[in-house]
């Protein structure tokens, strides 16, 4: 997981059409997959975080979720 100060180090990679993964140096944060109505965001364990209408919203959710998990 990541700490709040690591949020600036998040790298998003488009692995294939409509599939993106997030990481920081040494850590996988989660992924996003386009579904029929938007974007499904998943955490580092591929558990669904939620569905979002835009890619940007899904990206924000993955980052927020990883930051919350790191501080728990």
N, C-alpha and C. Protein backbone atom coordinates (compact mmCIF):
# COMPACT_ATOMS: atom_id res chain seq x y z
N UNK A 1 0.84 -1.18 0.00
CA UNK A 1 0.00 0.00 0.00
C UNK A 1 0.89 1.24 0.00
N UNK A 2 0.26 2.36 -0.10
CA UNK A 2 1.05 3.60 -0.17
C UNK A 2 0.66 4.56 0.92
N UNK A 3 1.59 5.40 1.26
CA UNK A 3 1.31 6.45 2.22
C UNK A 3 0.87 7.69 1.45
N UNK A 4 0.22 8.63 2.10
CA UNK A 4 -0.24 9.83 1.40
C UNK A 4 0.87 10.57 0.66
N UNK A 5 2.09 10.59 1.23
CA UNK A 5 3.16 11.31 0.55
C UNK A 5 3.65 10.58 -0.71
N UNK A 6 3.31 9.29 -0.87
CA UNK A 6 3.68 8.55 -2.07
C UNK A 6 2.70 8.75 -3.23
N UNK A 7 1.61 9.45 -3.00
CA UNK A 7 0.59 9.62 -4.04
C UNK A 7 1.17 10.25 -5.30
N UNK A 8 2.17 11.10 -5.16
CA UNK A 8 2.78 11.73 -6.33
C UNK A 8 3.62 10.76 -7.14
N UNK A 9 3.93 9.60 -6.60
CA UNK A 9 4.75 8.62 -7.28
C UNK A 9 3.94 7.56 -8.01
N UNK A 10 2.63 7.67 -8.03
CA UNK A 10 1.78 6.68 -8.69
C UNK A 10 2.01 6.75 -10.20
N UNK A 11 2.23 5.58 -10.79
CA UNK A 11 2.39 5.46 -12.23
C UNK A 11 1.23 4.63 -12.76
N UNK A 12 0.55 5.16 -13.76
CA UNK A 12 -0.53 4.43 -14.41
C UNK A 12 -0.02 3.91 -15.74
N UNK A 13 -0.29 2.63 -16.00
CA UNK A 13 0.11 2.01 -17.26
C UNK A 13 -1.11 1.41 -17.94
N UNK A 14 -1.23 1.68 -19.22
CA UNK A 14 -2.30 1.06 -20.00
C UNK A 14 -1.76 -0.25 -20.54
N UNK A 15 -2.23 -1.34 -19.98
CA UNK A 15 -1.73 -2.67 -20.33
C UNK A 15 -2.33 -3.12 -21.66
N UNK A 16 -3.58 -2.84 -21.85
CA UNK A 16 -4.27 -3.09 -23.11
C UNK A 16 -5.47 -2.17 -23.18
N UNK A 17 -6.15 -2.19 -24.30
CA UNK A 17 -7.32 -1.32 -24.46
C UNK A 17 -8.26 -1.48 -23.27
N UNK A 18 -8.59 -0.38 -22.61
CA UNK A 18 -9.56 -0.35 -21.51
C UNK A 18 -9.11 -1.11 -20.26
N UNK A 19 -7.81 -1.33 -20.08
CA UNK A 19 -7.30 -1.97 -18.86
C UNK A 19 -6.05 -1.22 -18.41
N UNK A 20 -6.12 -0.65 -17.20
CA UNK A 20 -5.04 0.17 -16.65
C UNK A 20 -4.62 -0.37 -15.29
N UNK A 21 -3.33 -0.26 -14.98
CA UNK A 21 -2.84 -0.67 -13.67
C UNK A 21 -2.09 0.48 -13.02
N UNK A 22 -2.15 0.53 -11.70
CA UNK A 22 -1.47 1.58 -10.93
C UNK A 22 -0.40 0.96 -10.05
N UNK A 23 0.72 1.65 -9.98
CA UNK A 23 1.79 1.18 -9.10
C UNK A 23 2.60 2.36 -8.59
N UNK A 24 3.33 2.09 -7.53
CA UNK A 24 4.36 3.00 -7.03
C UNK A 24 5.63 2.17 -7.04
N UNK A 25 6.78 2.77 -6.82
CA UNK A 25 7.99 1.96 -6.80
C UNK A 25 7.87 0.82 -5.79
N UNK A 26 7.86 -0.41 -6.29
CA UNK A 26 7.80 -1.58 -5.43
C UNK A 26 6.43 -2.04 -5.00
N UNK A 27 5.34 -1.40 -5.45
CA UNK A 27 4.00 -1.80 -5.00
C UNK A 27 2.97 -1.70 -6.11
N UNK A 28 2.13 -2.73 -6.22
CA UNK A 28 0.97 -2.73 -7.09
C UNK A 28 -0.20 -2.16 -6.29
N UNK A 29 -0.88 -1.15 -6.82
CA UNK A 29 -1.98 -0.51 -6.08
C UNK A 29 -3.35 -1.01 -6.48
N UNK A 30 -3.54 -1.34 -7.76
CA UNK A 30 -4.84 -1.78 -8.23
C UNK A 30 -4.95 -1.64 -9.73
N UNK A 31 -6.14 -1.90 -10.22
CA UNK A 31 -6.35 -1.85 -11.66
C UNK A 31 -7.76 -1.35 -11.97
N UNK A 32 -7.92 -0.97 -13.23
CA UNK A 32 -9.21 -0.47 -13.71
C UNK A 32 -9.52 -1.16 -15.02
N UNK A 33 -10.74 -1.62 -15.13
CA UNK A 33 -11.20 -2.30 -16.34
C UNK A 33 -12.49 -1.62 -16.80
N UNK A 34 -12.58 -1.34 -18.06
CA UNK A 34 -13.81 -0.74 -18.59
C UNK A 34 -14.89 -1.80 -18.58
N UNK A 35 -16.05 -1.45 -18.03
CA UNK A 35 -17.20 -2.35 -18.09
C UNK A 35 -18.27 -1.69 -18.94
N UNK A 36 -19.39 -2.29 -19.08
CA UNK A 36 -20.43 -1.80 -19.98
C UNK A 36 -20.90 -0.39 -19.72
N UNK A 37 -20.85 0.05 -18.47
CA UNK A 37 -21.41 1.35 -18.13
C UNK A 37 -20.41 2.35 -17.60
N UNK A 38 -19.17 1.96 -17.48
CA UNK A 38 -18.16 2.86 -16.93
C UNK A 38 -16.87 2.13 -16.69
N UNK A 39 -16.28 2.38 -15.53
CA UNK A 39 -14.97 1.83 -15.20
C UNK A 39 -15.03 1.17 -13.84
N UNK A 40 -14.63 -0.10 -13.78
CA UNK A 40 -14.61 -0.85 -12.54
C UNK A 40 -13.21 -0.75 -11.94
N UNK A 41 -13.12 -0.22 -10.72
CA UNK A 41 -11.84 -0.07 -10.02
C UNK A 41 -11.67 -1.21 -9.04
N UNK A 42 -10.45 -1.78 -9.03
CA UNK A 42 -10.13 -2.91 -8.15
C UNK A 42 -8.89 -2.57 -7.33
N UNK A 43 -8.84 -3.10 -6.12
CA UNK A 43 -7.69 -2.84 -5.26
C UNK A 43 -6.54 -3.78 -5.61
N UNK A 44 -5.50 -3.76 -4.79
CA UNK A 44 -4.30 -4.57 -5.04
C UNK A 44 -4.57 -6.07 -4.96
N UNK A 45 -5.69 -6.45 -4.36
CA UNK A 45 -6.08 -7.86 -4.26
C UNK A 45 -7.18 -8.20 -5.25
N UNK A 46 -7.40 -7.32 -6.21
CA UNK A 46 -8.42 -7.41 -7.27
C UNK A 46 -9.86 -7.45 -6.73
N UNK A 47 -10.05 -6.95 -5.52
CA UNK A 47 -11.40 -6.82 -4.97
C UNK A 47 -12.01 -5.52 -5.51
N UNK A 48 -13.25 -5.58 -5.89
CA UNK A 48 -13.93 -4.41 -6.46
C UNK A 48 -14.03 -3.29 -5.43
N UNK A 49 -13.55 -2.12 -5.82
CA UNK A 49 -13.71 -0.91 -5.01
C UNK A 49 -15.05 -0.27 -5.36
N UNK A 50 -15.34 -0.19 -6.66
CA UNK A 50 -16.59 0.40 -7.13
C UNK A 50 -16.55 0.64 -8.62
N UNK A 51 -17.68 1.07 -9.16
CA UNK A 51 -17.79 1.41 -10.57
C UNK A 51 -17.96 2.92 -10.69
N UNK A 52 -17.31 3.50 -11.68
CA UNK A 52 -17.27 4.96 -11.83
C UNK A 52 -17.56 5.35 -13.27
N UNK A 53 -18.15 6.52 -13.47
CA UNK A 53 -18.54 6.93 -14.82
C UNK A 53 -17.37 7.35 -15.71
N UNK A 54 -16.23 7.74 -15.09
CA UNK A 54 -15.08 8.17 -15.89
C UNK A 54 -13.81 7.46 -15.42
N UNK A 55 -12.85 7.41 -16.31
CA UNK A 55 -11.56 6.83 -15.97
C UNK A 55 -10.88 7.63 -14.85
N UNK A 56 -10.95 8.95 -14.94
CA UNK A 56 -10.34 9.79 -13.90
C UNK A 56 -10.92 9.50 -12.52
N UNK A 57 -12.23 9.32 -12.44
CA UNK A 57 -12.87 9.03 -11.16
C UNK A 57 -12.42 7.67 -10.63
N UNK A 58 -12.31 6.70 -11.50
CA UNK A 58 -11.85 5.37 -11.09
C UNK A 58 -10.40 5.42 -10.62
N UNK A 59 -9.57 6.18 -11.32
CA UNK A 59 -8.17 6.33 -10.91
C UNK A 59 -8.07 6.96 -9.52
N UNK A 60 -8.85 7.98 -9.29
CA UNK A 60 -8.86 8.63 -7.98
C UNK A 60 -9.29 7.66 -6.89
N UNK A 61 -10.25 6.80 -7.19
CA UNK A 61 -10.74 5.82 -6.21
C UNK A 61 -9.66 4.81 -5.86
N UNK A 62 -8.91 4.33 -6.85
CA UNK A 62 -7.84 3.37 -6.58
C UNK A 62 -6.78 4.01 -5.68
N UNK A 63 -6.39 5.24 -6.00
CA UNK A 63 -5.38 5.93 -5.19
C UNK A 63 -5.89 6.17 -3.78
N UNK A 64 -7.11 6.65 -3.65
CA UNK A 64 -7.68 6.90 -2.32
C UNK A 64 -7.77 5.61 -1.52
N UNK A 65 -8.20 4.54 -2.15
CA UNK A 65 -8.34 3.26 -1.46
C UNK A 65 -6.98 2.77 -0.97
N UNK A 66 -5.96 2.88 -1.80
CA UNK A 66 -4.64 2.40 -1.39
C UNK A 66 -4.07 3.25 -0.26
N UNK A 67 -4.37 4.54 -0.27
CA UNK A 67 -3.91 5.43 0.81
C UNK A 67 -4.63 5.09 2.12
N UNK A 68 -5.94 4.83 2.04
CA UNK A 68 -6.71 4.46 3.24
C UNK A 68 -6.22 3.13 3.80
N UNK A 69 -5.95 2.18 2.94
CA UNK A 69 -5.49 0.86 3.39
C UNK A 69 -4.13 0.96 4.07
N UNK A 70 -3.27 1.84 3.58
CA UNK A 70 -1.94 2.00 4.14
C UNK A 70 -2.00 2.64 5.53
N UNK A 71 -3.00 3.47 5.77
CA UNK A 71 -3.07 4.15 7.06
C UNK A 71 -3.93 3.39 8.08
N UNK A 72 -4.51 2.27 7.67
CA UNK A 72 -5.36 1.47 8.58
C UNK A 72 -4.53 0.60 9.49
